[in-house]
Amino acid sequence: MHTLGFWLVVGILAVVEAAVVVTALRMRVRSTAARSVVGGRPAEISWTLLPALLLAVLVLVSSQAR
C-alpha cells in the first residue's frame, strides 16, 4: 500500500511540475517592463526545474535504499 501511494504522489507531482514548466515557457515577457528577477525567463525556468530535479534525486535515493 505504501508503494502504491508513493508512486501515486510521484505521478501527481510530475503532472503538476510539467504544468508549471509549460506555463513558464509560454509566459510572455513584455519588452517595456522593467527588467527584474520576476518575469525573467531564465529565472522562471530555473526555479521551476530545480524542485523537479530535487524530486528526481529523492526518488532515486529512496528507491535505492530499499
Protein backbone atom coordinates (compact mmCIF):
# COMPACT_ATOMS: atom_id res chain seq x y z
CA MET A 1 0.00 0.00 0.00
CA HIS A 2 2.82 2.41 0.79
CA THR A 3 4.47 1.74 -2.56
CA LEU A 4 1.22 2.43 -4.42
CA GLY A 5 0.73 5.68 -2.52
CA PHE A 6 4.32 6.73 -3.16
CA TRP A 7 4.04 6.24 -6.91
CA LEU A 8 0.65 7.94 -6.96
CA VAL A 9 2.17 11.02 -5.32
CA VAL A 10 5.16 10.91 -7.69
CA GLY A 11 2.78 10.80 -10.67
CA ILE A 12 0.72 13.71 -9.39
CA LEU A 13 3.83 15.77 -8.72
CA ALA A 14 5.15 15.01 -12.20
CA VAL A 15 1.91 16.24 -13.79
CA VAL A 16 1.90 19.40 -11.67
CA GLU A 17 5.57 20.11 -12.38
CA ALA A 18 5.01 19.60 -16.12
CA ALA A 19 2.12 22.08 -16.00
CA VAL A 20 4.31 24.64 -14.22
CA VAL A 21 7.11 24.19 -16.77
CA VAL A 22 4.71 24.60 -19.71
CA THR A 23 3.25 27.72 -18.10
CA ALA A 24 6.73 29.20 -17.52
CA LEU A 25 7.74 28.52 -21.12
CA ARG A 26 4.54 30.05 -22.54
CA MET A 27 4.78 33.16 -20.34
CA ARG A 28 5.10 36.37 -22.30
CA VAL A 29 7.61 38.89 -21.07
CA ARG A 30 6.84 42.47 -22.06
CA SER A 31 9.75 44.35 -23.55
CA THR A 32 8.56 47.59 -21.97
CA ALA A 33 8.52 46.19 -18.46
CA ALA A 34 11.43 46.98 -16.16
CA ARG A 35 13.93 44.14 -16.00
CA SER A 36 13.75 42.29 -12.73
CA VAL A 37 14.18 38.76 -11.46
CA VAL A 38 10.44 38.17 -11.55
CA GLY A 39 9.41 37.85 -15.16
CA GLY A 40 12.85 36.91 -16.45
CA ARG A 41 12.57 33.73 -18.49
CA PRO A 42 15.87 32.12 -17.30
CA ALA A 43 14.99 32.76 -13.66
CA GLU A 44 11.46 31.42 -14.08
CA ILE A 45 12.69 28.24 -15.77
CA SER A 46 15.47 27.74 -13.21
CA TRP A 47 13.31 27.87 -10.12
CA THR A 48 10.67 25.80 -11.87
CA LEU A 49 13.05 22.99 -12.80
CA LEU A 50 15.03 22.96 -9.55
CA PRO A 51 12.24 21.33 -7.48
CA ALA A 52 11.70 18.75 -10.23
CA LEU A 53 15.38 17.83 -10.17
CA LEU A 54 15.36 17.61 -6.37
CA LEU A 55 12.32 15.33 -6.51
CA ALA A 56 14.04 13.10 -9.05
CA VAL A 57 17.09 12.80 -6.80
CA LEU A 58 14.89 11.97 -3.81
CA VAL A 59 13.06 9.28 -5.79
CA LEU A 60 16.35 7.72 -6.89
CA VAL A 61 17.85 7.78 -3.41
CA SER A 62 14.73 6.38 -1.75
CA SER A 63 14.33 3.61 -4.36
CA GLN A 64 17.95 2.52 -3.90
CA ALA A 65 17.57 2.45 -0.10
CA ARG A 66 15.16 -0.49 -0.30
